[in-house]
Every structure is written in C-alpha cells, then in structure tokens.
Protein backbone atom coordinates (compact mmCIF):
# COMPACT_ATOMS: atom_id res chain seq x y z
CA MET A 1 111.48 82.30 101.85
CA ALA A 2 112.89 79.09 103.29
CA GLY A 3 111.69 77.13 100.27
CA PHE A 4 113.43 79.42 97.83
CA VAL A 5 116.67 79.24 99.81
CA LEU A 6 116.45 75.44 99.90
CA LEU A 7 115.78 75.24 96.16
CA ALA A 8 118.68 77.62 95.40
CA LEU A 9 120.92 75.50 97.62
CA HIS A 10 119.74 72.40 95.78
CA PHE A 11 120.68 73.92 92.42
CA ILE A 12 124.09 75.15 93.54
CA LYS A 13 125.34 72.52 95.94
CA TYR A 14 123.35 69.31 96.04
CA GLN A 15 122.00 68.63 92.57
CA GLY A 16 123.05 65.12 91.67
CA THR A 17 124.67 64.39 95.06
CA GLY A 18 123.25 64.34 98.55
CA GLU A 19 119.76 65.29 97.37
CA LYS A 20 118.10 63.40 100.23
CA THR A 21 119.74 65.91 102.59
CA LEU A 22 117.29 68.66 101.61
CA GLY A 23 114.18 66.48 101.24
CA PRO A 24 112.92 66.95 104.82
CA GLY A 25 113.30 70.72 104.53
CA PHE A 26 111.27 70.70 101.31
CA LEU A 27 108.58 68.63 103.05
CA VAL A 28 108.36 71.05 106.01
CA VAL A 29 108.05 74.05 103.69
CA GLY A 30 105.46 72.23 101.63
CA PHE A 31 103.40 71.26 104.66
CA VAL A 32 103.33 74.77 106.14
CA ALA A 33 102.55 76.48 102.82
CA THR A 34 99.82 73.98 101.90
CA VAL A 35 98.07 74.03 105.29
CA THR A 36 98.15 77.81 105.67
CA GLY A 37 97.14 78.33 102.04
CA LEU A 38 94.19 75.96 102.37
CA ALA A 39 93.12 77.72 105.57
CA MET A 40 93.16 81.02 103.73
CA ILE A 41 91.25 79.65 100.74
CA PHE A 42 88.50 78.14 102.88
CA THR A 43 88.13 80.96 105.45
CA TRP A 44 88.80 83.97 103.16
CA PRO A 45 90.24 86.11 106.01
CA LEU A 46 91.63 88.95 103.91
CA PRO A 47 89.60 91.68 102.25
CA GLY A 48 88.75 91.53 98.56
CA SER A 49 90.87 89.42 96.25
CA TYR A 50 93.98 89.34 98.47
CA ASN A 51 93.17 85.73 99.42
CA ILE A 52 93.83 84.64 95.83
CA PRO A 53 97.53 85.54 95.57
CA PHE A 54 98.39 84.75 99.17
CA GLY A 55 96.15 81.68 99.63
CA GLU A 56 95.89 79.94 96.29
CA LEU A 57 99.51 80.47 95.32
CA SER A 58 100.58 79.27 98.75
CA VAL A 59 98.79 76.00 97.97
CA LEU A 60 100.46 75.77 94.55
CA PHE A 61 103.85 76.43 96.16
CA GLY A 62 103.21 74.09 99.07
CA THR A 63 102.12 71.13 96.98
CA LEU A 64 105.11 71.71 94.72
CA PHE A 65 107.43 71.46 97.71
CA LEU A 66 105.60 68.44 99.15
CA GLY A 67 106.08 66.69 95.82
CA ALA A 68 109.70 67.75 95.49
CA GLY A 69 110.50 66.75 99.07
CA THR A 70 108.92 63.34 98.57
CA ALA A 71 110.79 62.85 95.29
CA LEU A 72 114.11 63.87 96.88
CA VAL A 73 113.67 61.56 99.87
CA LYS A 74 112.63 58.60 97.72
CA GLY A 75 115.17 59.23 94.96
CA TRP A 76 112.54 59.79 92.27
CA SER A 77 112.95 61.95 89.19
CA LEU A 78 112.01 65.61 89.59
CA THR A 79 110.98 66.04 85.95
CA GLY A 80 107.22 65.88 86.67
CA ILE A 81 107.63 68.31 89.55
CA GLY A 82 109.52 70.62 87.19
CA VAL A 83 106.59 70.60 84.75
CA TYR A 84 104.23 71.50 87.61
CA ALA A 85 106.68 74.25 88.65
CA ILE A 86 106.34 75.82 85.19
CA VAL A 87 102.55 75.98 85.51
CA ALA A 88 102.70 77.32 89.09
CA GLY A 89 105.50 79.72 88.12
CA LEU A 90 103.47 81.15 85.27
CA ALA A 91 100.55 81.71 87.68
CA ALA A 92 102.88 83.59 90.04
CA VAL A 93 104.14 85.82 87.22
CA VAL A 94 100.55 86.61 86.16
CA VAL A 95 99.59 87.41 89.76
CA GLY A 96 102.69 89.58 90.23
CA VAL A 97 101.94 91.61 87.11
CA ARG A 98 98.31 92.00 88.20
CA ILE A 99 99.31 93.13 91.72
CA LEU A 100 101.46 95.83 90.12
CA ALA A 101 98.69 96.90 87.74
CA LEU A 102 96.04 97.05 90.48
CA LYS A 103 98.45 98.53 93.05
CA MET A 104 97.44 95.84 95.54
CA THR A 105 99.05 95.52 99.00
CA SER A 106 100.65 98.31 100.97
CA GLU A 107 103.84 97.71 98.96
CA PRO A 108 102.67 96.82 95.43
CA LEU A 109 106.11 97.15 93.83
CA LEU A 110 107.71 94.84 96.39
CA SER A 111 104.86 92.30 96.32
CA GLY A 112 104.58 92.36 92.53
CA ILE A 113 108.30 91.84 92.03
CA GLY A 114 108.27 89.14 94.72
CA PHE A 115 105.60 87.18 92.86
CA ILE A 116 107.27 87.74 89.48
CA LEU A 117 110.67 86.55 90.74
CA SER A 118 109.00 83.60 92.47
CA GLY A 119 107.33 82.72 89.19
CA LEU A 120 110.55 83.07 87.22
CA GLY A 121 112.16 80.70 89.72
CA GLY A 122 109.40 78.21 89.01
CA LEU A 123 109.78 78.63 85.26
CA LEU A 124 113.52 77.98 85.52
CA THR A 125 113.23 74.94 87.79
CA LEU A 126 112.80 72.35 85.05
CA PRO A 127 115.60 73.76 82.83
CA ALA A 128 117.92 73.98 85.85
CA TYR A 129 117.13 70.39 86.75
CA LEU A 130 117.46 69.03 83.22
CA VAL A 131 120.76 70.76 82.40
CA LYS A 132 122.65 69.59 85.47
CA LYS A 133 125.97 70.09 83.72
CA SER A 134 125.24 73.75 82.93
CA ARG A 135 126.27 75.59 86.05
CA THR A 136 125.23 78.88 84.43
CA VAL A 137 121.55 77.94 84.21
CA ARG A 138 121.57 76.65 87.78
CA VAL A 139 123.31 79.77 89.11
CA VAL A 140 120.88 82.10 87.28
CA ALA A 141 117.94 80.17 88.72
CA ALA A 142 119.51 80.23 92.20
CA VAL A 143 120.15 83.99 92.06
CA ILE A 144 116.53 84.63 91.04
CA LEU A 145 115.30 82.36 93.85
CA LEU A 146 117.52 84.08 96.40
CA ALA A 147 116.27 87.50 95.25
CA ALA A 148 112.68 86.26 95.71
CA ALA A 149 113.63 84.89 99.15
CA ALA A 150 115.08 88.27 100.13
CA ILE A 151 111.90 90.09 99.10
CA TRP A 152 109.66 87.64 100.98
CA ALA A 153 111.95 87.85 104.02
CA PHE A 154 111.73 91.64 104.05
CA SER A 155 107.97 91.57 103.48
CA GLY A 156 107.27 88.71 105.91
CA TYR A 157 109.41 89.88 108.80
CA GLY A 158 108.15 93.43 108.29
CA SER A 159 104.60 92.10 108.49
CA TYR A 160 105.36 90.28 111.73
CA TRP A 161 106.77 93.52 113.13
CA ALA A 162 103.75 95.62 112.10
CA HIS A 163 101.06 93.05 112.92
CA LEU A 164 102.33 92.54 116.45
CA GLN A 165 101.64 96.22 117.10
CA SER A 166 98.39 96.53 115.15
CA PHE A 167 96.86 93.42 116.75
CA ALA A 168 98.23 94.03 120.26
CA THR A 169 94.82 94.98 121.68
CA TRP A 170 92.65 92.74 119.50
CA ALA A 171 90.46 90.18 121.25
CA PRO A 172 88.21 87.47 119.83
CA PRO A 173 84.47 88.30 119.96
CA GLY A 174 83.84 86.11 123.04
CA MET A 175 86.53 87.92 125.03
CA ARG A 176 85.56 91.50 124.20
CA ALA A 177 84.02 93.78 126.79
CA PRO A 178 80.28 94.20 126.28
CA ALA A 179 79.24 97.35 124.42
CA LYS A 180 77.67 100.02 126.60
C-alpha cells in the first residue's frame, strides 16, 4: 500500500523535481517486500498455491521498488525500471485474473481486483514516466495506484484485525502443553 501511495505521489507531485525526496521511502518499501516475499517463497507457509501470488509477486514488487529507490536517490533514469514494471505488472494482472477464476482467498473479488489494479499500475509506470508533460497519463496512473493502495489497505488491515484474534492462543511447538 505504501509503495503505491509513494508512486502515485511521485507521478503527481515530484516527477521531474525533488525526486530524491521519495527515494528512501521507495527503498524501505522495496526492502520489506523483498525480504518478506523471499521468506514466503523459501518457507512456503501458506496452503496450496497462495504462496505464489503473495510471495513471488512481493519479490517482483520489492525488487522494483529497490531499483526505483536507488535510481531516484542517485539521479539515474527510471526507464529500465519502467520496462521491468511492465513485466511485473503483467504478472500481477495474470495472477489477479487467475485468483478471480479460481475463487482464491476469502475475498476473491477484492484480491483479484487488487492484483489487477496493481498490475495496471505497473503497466502504466513507463508511459507515465516517459510522458512527463502529459498530466492526464500521470493522473490516470496515480488514480489506479491509489485504488490499488486502498484495496490493499482494506485487505491488509482487515487481516491484521482477524489474525490477531485467530492466532491469540497459538503457541510454537516447543511451548505447547504436552498431549495427554
């Protein structure tokens, strides 16, 4: 969610001026998404194929933001990052459509649309970057990114709320009372 808000802000307010301002935020988002995505990929904590959309795409998203943050801080061109965003964005759209078709997650419509909007944001990143003078393209991209951010905020904060209750009595195997 934070990454999409930062990217929307970049398109609307900072593109072409003050870009270094958002670089550290991009790097933090990239670090968290990459580390948590890699942990999910290597430990496979979720049932079935849920690790693919939430782990692998987290790594795609995270590395994208690590690259963008580095480029912003160093003053490098974002064109190469934009090309990567198209590839990652297309993957997110495919995953979103597949989540809808398979009715995955407890909220397949919300999750599917979240991935599709996230992917559309990725697909529009390069055009929004390249046509800096076209406010319309940048605003459309920003609105899509903010819609994706809103969905992930609702889903993420709702998950925190529910998981705190459902895991309230959970204990790791070494701390569980012996079976009688």
